[in-house]
């Protein structure tokens, strides 16, 4: 998706618009796409990773010119938003608030 201001940066945006490619951008060389999804109930993170790796390998095989050495990464949303140092700080804050209350 493009940000409402037309930029393709990876920063946080307030408003989103549908992704629409211009004819000159209709190539297989766009490797900047990031998406968010929920796992189907009963599907583990490891199962989703294995299935997506299989799909990525098939795409790499079918389109080697644009997808050689490209793959896919699947992480929990919370792990991407809150890194280890922030998580530790939040836990300390939670413990402090819990002690005071």
N, C-alpha and C. Protein backbone atom coordinates (compact mmCIF):
# COMPACT_ATOMS: atom_id res chain seq x y z
N UNK A 1 0.82 -1.18 0.00
CA UNK A 1 0.00 0.00 0.00
C UNK A 1 0.87 1.24 0.00
N UNK A 2 0.35 2.24 -0.58
CA UNK A 2 1.03 3.53 -0.58
C UNK A 2 0.44 4.40 0.52
N UNK A 3 1.26 5.19 1.11
CA UNK A 3 0.76 6.17 2.07
C UNK A 3 -0.05 7.21 1.32
N UNK A 4 -0.94 7.87 2.02
CA UNK A 4 -1.81 8.86 1.38
C UNK A 4 -1.02 9.98 0.72
N UNK A 5 0.18 10.24 1.23
CA UNK A 5 0.98 11.30 0.62
C UNK A 5 1.77 10.80 -0.59
N UNK A 6 1.56 9.55 -1.00
CA UNK A 6 2.20 9.01 -2.19
C UNK A 6 3.58 8.41 -1.95
N UNK A 7 4.07 8.48 -0.72
CA UNK A 7 5.41 7.94 -0.46
C UNK A 7 5.35 6.44 -0.26
N UNK A 8 6.48 5.81 -0.42
CA UNK A 8 6.58 4.36 -0.21
C UNK A 8 7.52 4.06 0.95
N UNK A 9 7.62 4.97 1.89
CA UNK A 9 8.53 4.72 3.00
C UNK A 9 7.92 3.71 3.95
N UNK A 10 8.73 3.18 4.84
CA UNK A 10 8.29 2.14 5.75
C UNK A 10 7.89 2.68 7.11
N UNK A 11 7.74 3.99 7.23
CA UNK A 11 7.33 4.58 8.49
C UNK A 11 5.85 4.36 8.75
N UNK A 12 5.43 4.75 9.91
CA UNK A 12 4.01 4.61 10.27
C UNK A 12 3.21 5.69 9.55
N UNK A 13 2.05 5.33 9.06
CA UNK A 13 1.19 6.26 8.35
C UNK A 13 -0.16 6.33 9.06
N UNK A 14 -0.82 7.46 8.92
CA UNK A 14 -2.14 7.63 9.51
C UNK A 14 -3.27 7.24 8.57
N UNK A 15 -3.06 7.44 7.28
CA UNK A 15 -4.10 7.17 6.29
C UNK A 15 -3.50 6.30 5.20
N UNK A 16 -4.25 5.31 4.77
CA UNK A 16 -3.78 4.42 3.72
C UNK A 16 -4.73 4.46 2.54
N UNK A 17 -4.20 4.28 1.35
CA UNK A 17 -5.00 4.19 0.14
C UNK A 17 -4.67 2.87 -0.55
N UNK A 18 -5.57 2.37 -1.38
CA UNK A 18 -5.29 1.12 -2.08
C UNK A 18 -4.04 1.21 -2.94
N UNK A 19 -3.33 0.12 -3.06
CA UNK A 19 -2.13 0.06 -3.88
C UNK A 19 -2.54 0.00 -5.35
N UNK A 20 -2.05 0.92 -6.13
CA UNK A 20 -2.34 0.95 -7.56
C UNK A 20 -1.03 1.19 -8.31
N UNK A 21 -0.65 0.23 -9.13
CA UNK A 21 0.59 0.34 -9.89
C UNK A 21 0.38 1.12 -11.18
N UNK A 22 1.35 1.91 -11.53
CA UNK A 22 1.37 2.57 -12.84
C UNK A 22 1.88 1.54 -13.84
N UNK A 23 1.53 1.67 -15.12
CA UNK A 23 1.98 0.68 -16.11
C UNK A 23 3.50 0.45 -16.10
N UNK A 24 4.29 1.51 -15.90
CA UNK A 24 5.75 1.33 -15.91
C UNK A 24 6.25 0.60 -14.65
N UNK A 25 5.40 0.50 -13.63
CA UNK A 25 5.79 -0.20 -12.40
C UNK A 25 5.31 -1.64 -12.36
N UNK A 26 4.71 -2.10 -13.44
CA UNK A 26 4.19 -3.47 -13.48
C UNK A 26 5.32 -4.46 -13.77
N UNK A 27 6.20 -4.59 -12.80
CA UNK A 27 7.32 -5.53 -12.92
C UNK A 27 7.31 -6.46 -11.73
N UNK A 28 8.16 -7.47 -11.76
CA UNK A 28 8.26 -8.40 -10.65
C UNK A 28 9.39 -8.00 -9.71
N UNK A 29 9.95 -6.84 -9.86
CA UNK A 29 11.10 -6.42 -9.07
C UNK A 29 10.73 -5.58 -7.85
N UNK A 30 9.50 -5.59 -7.42
CA UNK A 30 9.10 -4.84 -6.22
C UNK A 30 9.23 -5.76 -5.02
N UNK A 31 10.24 -5.52 -4.21
CA UNK A 31 10.48 -6.37 -3.04
C UNK A 31 10.35 -5.58 -1.74
N UNK A 32 9.50 -4.61 -1.71
CA UNK A 32 9.35 -3.75 -0.55
C UNK A 32 8.03 -3.99 0.18
N UNK A 33 7.20 -4.86 -0.33
CA UNK A 33 5.86 -5.05 0.21
C UNK A 33 5.89 -5.72 1.58
N UNK A 34 5.11 -5.16 2.48
CA UNK A 34 4.94 -5.75 3.80
C UNK A 34 3.44 -5.84 4.05
N UNK A 35 2.99 -6.94 4.60
CA UNK A 35 1.57 -7.08 4.88
C UNK A 35 1.38 -7.70 6.26
N UNK A 36 0.20 -7.54 6.78
CA UNK A 36 -0.16 -8.08 8.08
C UNK A 36 -1.34 -9.01 7.89
N UNK A 37 -1.34 -10.11 8.60
CA UNK A 37 -2.44 -11.07 8.49
C UNK A 37 -2.59 -11.83 9.80
N UNK A 38 -3.72 -12.44 9.95
CA UNK A 38 -3.95 -13.29 11.11
C UNK A 38 -3.83 -14.74 10.68
N UNK A 39 -3.29 -15.57 11.56
CA UNK A 39 -3.22 -16.98 11.27
C UNK A 39 -4.60 -17.61 11.42
N UNK A 40 -4.88 -18.54 10.57
CA UNK A 40 -6.12 -19.29 10.66
C UNK A 40 -6.12 -20.07 11.98
N UNK A 41 -7.24 -20.15 12.66
CA UNK A 41 -7.27 -20.91 13.92
C UNK A 41 -6.74 -22.33 13.71
N UNK A 42 -5.88 -22.74 14.62
CA UNK A 42 -5.30 -24.08 14.55
C UNK A 42 -3.99 -24.16 13.77
N UNK A 43 -3.60 -23.08 13.09
CA UNK A 43 -2.35 -23.07 12.34
C UNK A 43 -1.27 -22.42 13.20
N UNK A 44 -0.18 -23.12 13.40
CA UNK A 44 0.92 -22.58 14.22
C UNK A 44 1.79 -21.65 13.39
N UNK A 45 2.57 -20.85 14.08
CA UNK A 45 3.50 -19.95 13.41
C UNK A 45 4.50 -20.75 12.56
N UNK A 46 4.95 -21.87 13.08
CA UNK A 46 5.91 -22.71 12.34
C UNK A 46 5.28 -23.28 11.07
N UNK A 47 4.01 -23.69 11.14
CA UNK A 47 3.33 -24.20 9.95
C UNK A 47 3.19 -23.10 8.89
N UNK A 48 2.84 -21.91 9.33
CA UNK A 48 2.70 -20.79 8.39
C UNK A 48 4.05 -20.46 7.75
N UNK A 49 5.10 -20.46 8.56
CA UNK A 49 6.44 -20.19 8.02
C UNK A 49 6.83 -21.23 6.98
N UNK A 50 6.59 -22.50 7.27
CA UNK A 50 6.95 -23.56 6.34
C UNK A 50 6.18 -23.43 5.03
N UNK A 51 4.89 -23.14 5.13
CA UNK A 51 4.08 -23.02 3.92
C UNK A 51 4.51 -21.81 3.09
N UNK A 52 4.76 -20.69 3.74
CA UNK A 52 5.18 -19.49 3.00
C UNK A 52 6.58 -19.67 2.40
N UNK A 53 7.48 -20.35 3.11
CA UNK A 53 8.81 -20.62 2.54
C UNK A 53 8.68 -21.47 1.29
N UNK A 54 7.76 -22.43 1.31
CA UNK A 54 7.53 -23.27 0.14
C UNK A 54 7.01 -22.44 -1.04
N UNK A 55 6.09 -21.54 -0.77
CA UNK A 55 5.55 -20.67 -1.82
C UNK A 55 6.65 -19.76 -2.37
N UNK A 56 7.46 -19.18 -1.46
CA UNK A 56 8.55 -18.30 -1.89
C UNK A 56 9.56 -19.06 -2.75
N UNK A 57 9.86 -20.31 -2.38
CA UNK A 57 10.80 -21.12 -3.17
C UNK A 57 10.24 -21.40 -4.56
N UNK A 58 8.95 -21.65 -4.64
CA UNK A 58 8.32 -21.89 -5.94
C UNK A 58 8.37 -20.64 -6.81
N UNK A 59 8.11 -19.47 -6.20
CA UNK A 59 8.17 -18.21 -6.96
C UNK A 59 9.60 -17.95 -7.41
N UNK A 60 10.57 -18.22 -6.54
CA UNK A 60 11.98 -18.03 -6.92
C UNK A 60 12.34 -18.95 -8.09
N UNK A 61 11.84 -20.16 -8.06
CA UNK A 61 12.11 -21.11 -9.14
C UNK A 61 11.47 -20.65 -10.44
N UNK A 62 10.22 -20.17 -10.37
CA UNK A 62 9.49 -19.77 -11.56
C UNK A 62 9.97 -18.44 -12.14
N UNK A 63 10.49 -17.55 -11.28
CA UNK A 63 10.92 -16.22 -11.72
C UNK A 63 12.32 -15.92 -11.18
N UNK A 64 13.34 -16.63 -11.64
CA UNK A 64 14.68 -16.46 -11.08
C UNK A 64 15.30 -15.09 -11.33
N UNK A 65 14.93 -14.43 -12.42
CA UNK A 65 15.53 -13.13 -12.71
C UNK A 65 15.18 -12.08 -11.66
N UNK A 66 13.97 -12.12 -11.15
CA UNK A 66 13.54 -11.10 -10.19
C UNK A 66 13.47 -11.59 -8.75
N UNK A 67 13.53 -12.89 -8.53
CA UNK A 67 13.32 -13.41 -7.18
C UNK A 67 14.44 -14.29 -6.65
N UNK A 68 15.57 -14.31 -7.33
CA UNK A 68 16.69 -15.11 -6.83
C UNK A 68 17.16 -14.55 -5.49
N UNK A 69 17.32 -15.42 -4.52
CA UNK A 69 17.76 -15.09 -3.15
C UNK A 69 16.75 -14.22 -2.39
N UNK A 70 15.49 -14.18 -2.82
CA UNK A 70 14.44 -13.49 -2.07
C UNK A 70 13.56 -14.54 -1.43
N UNK A 71 13.06 -14.25 -0.26
CA UNK A 71 12.20 -15.19 0.43
C UNK A 71 11.13 -14.42 1.19
N UNK A 72 10.64 -14.99 2.24
CA UNK A 72 9.57 -14.39 3.03
C UNK A 72 9.91 -14.54 4.51
N UNK A 73 9.45 -13.60 5.31
CA UNK A 73 9.65 -13.66 6.75
C UNK A 73 8.29 -13.55 7.42
N UNK A 74 8.04 -14.42 8.35
CA UNK A 74 6.79 -14.37 9.12
C UNK A 74 7.16 -14.27 10.59
N UNK A 75 6.68 -13.21 11.21
CA UNK A 75 6.91 -12.97 12.63
C UNK A 75 5.59 -12.59 13.29
N UNK A 76 5.55 -12.75 14.60
CA UNK A 76 4.41 -12.26 15.35
C UNK A 76 4.43 -10.73 15.30
N UNK A 77 3.26 -10.12 15.20
CA UNK A 77 3.16 -8.66 15.14
C UNK A 77 3.80 -8.04 16.37
N UNK A 78 3.52 -8.60 17.53
CA UNK A 78 4.07 -8.05 18.78
C UNK A 78 5.60 -8.08 18.78
N UNK A 79 6.19 -9.09 18.18
CA UNK A 79 7.65 -9.18 18.14
C UNK A 79 8.25 -8.13 17.20
N UNK A 80 7.52 -7.72 16.19
CA UNK A 80 8.02 -6.70 15.26
C UNK A 80 7.86 -5.29 15.83
N UNK A 81 6.80 -5.08 16.60
CA UNK A 81 6.51 -3.75 17.13
C UNK A 81 7.30 -3.48 18.41
N UNK A 82 7.41 -4.50 19.25
CA UNK A 82 8.09 -4.35 20.54
C UNK A 82 9.35 -5.22 20.52
N UNK A 83 10.52 -4.58 20.40
CA UNK A 83 11.77 -5.35 20.39
C UNK A 83 12.15 -5.73 21.83
N UNK A 84 13.22 -6.48 21.97
CA UNK A 84 13.61 -7.00 23.28
C UNK A 84 13.88 -5.92 24.32
N UNK A 85 14.56 -4.85 23.93
CA UNK A 85 14.87 -3.81 24.91
C UNK A 85 13.60 -3.08 25.36
N UNK A 86 12.69 -2.82 24.44
CA UNK A 86 11.43 -2.17 24.81
C UNK A 86 10.58 -3.11 25.65
N UNK A 87 10.56 -4.38 25.30
CA UNK A 87 9.80 -5.37 26.06
C UNK A 87 10.29 -5.41 27.51
N UNK A 88 11.60 -5.40 27.71
CA UNK A 88 12.18 -5.42 29.05
C UNK A 88 11.75 -4.17 29.82
N UNK A 89 11.80 -3.02 29.18
CA UNK A 89 11.38 -1.77 29.82
C UNK A 89 9.90 -1.81 30.20
N UNK A 90 9.08 -2.33 29.32
CA UNK A 90 7.66 -2.43 29.62
C UNK A 90 7.38 -3.38 30.78
N UNK A 91 8.12 -4.47 30.87
CA UNK A 91 7.95 -5.40 31.98
C UNK A 91 8.38 -4.77 33.30
N UNK A 92 9.47 -4.00 33.28
CA UNK A 92 9.91 -3.29 34.49
C UNK A 92 8.84 -2.28 34.89
N UNK A 93 8.30 -1.55 33.92
CA UNK A 93 7.24 -0.59 34.21
C UNK A 93 6.01 -1.29 34.78
N UNK A 94 5.63 -2.40 34.20
CA UNK A 94 4.49 -3.17 34.70
C UNK A 94 4.72 -3.63 36.13
N UNK A 95 5.92 -4.11 36.41
CA UNK A 95 6.25 -4.56 37.78
C UNK A 95 6.20 -3.39 38.75
N UNK A 96 6.71 -2.23 38.35
CA UNK A 96 6.68 -1.05 39.22
C UNK A 96 5.26 -0.60 39.52
N UNK A 97 4.43 -0.57 38.50
CA UNK A 97 3.03 -0.17 38.70
C UNK A 97 2.31 -1.21 39.57
N UNK A 98 2.59 -2.48 39.32
CA UNK A 98 1.96 -3.55 40.12
C UNK A 98 2.39 -3.48 41.58
N UNK A 99 3.62 -3.09 41.84
CA UNK A 99 4.11 -2.97 43.21
C UNK A 99 3.46 -1.80 43.92
N UNK A 100 3.29 -0.69 43.22
CA UNK A 100 2.71 0.51 43.82
C UNK A 100 1.22 0.33 44.08
N UNK A 101 0.54 -0.30 43.18
CA UNK A 101 -0.93 -0.46 43.34
C UNK A 101 -1.20 -1.56 44.27
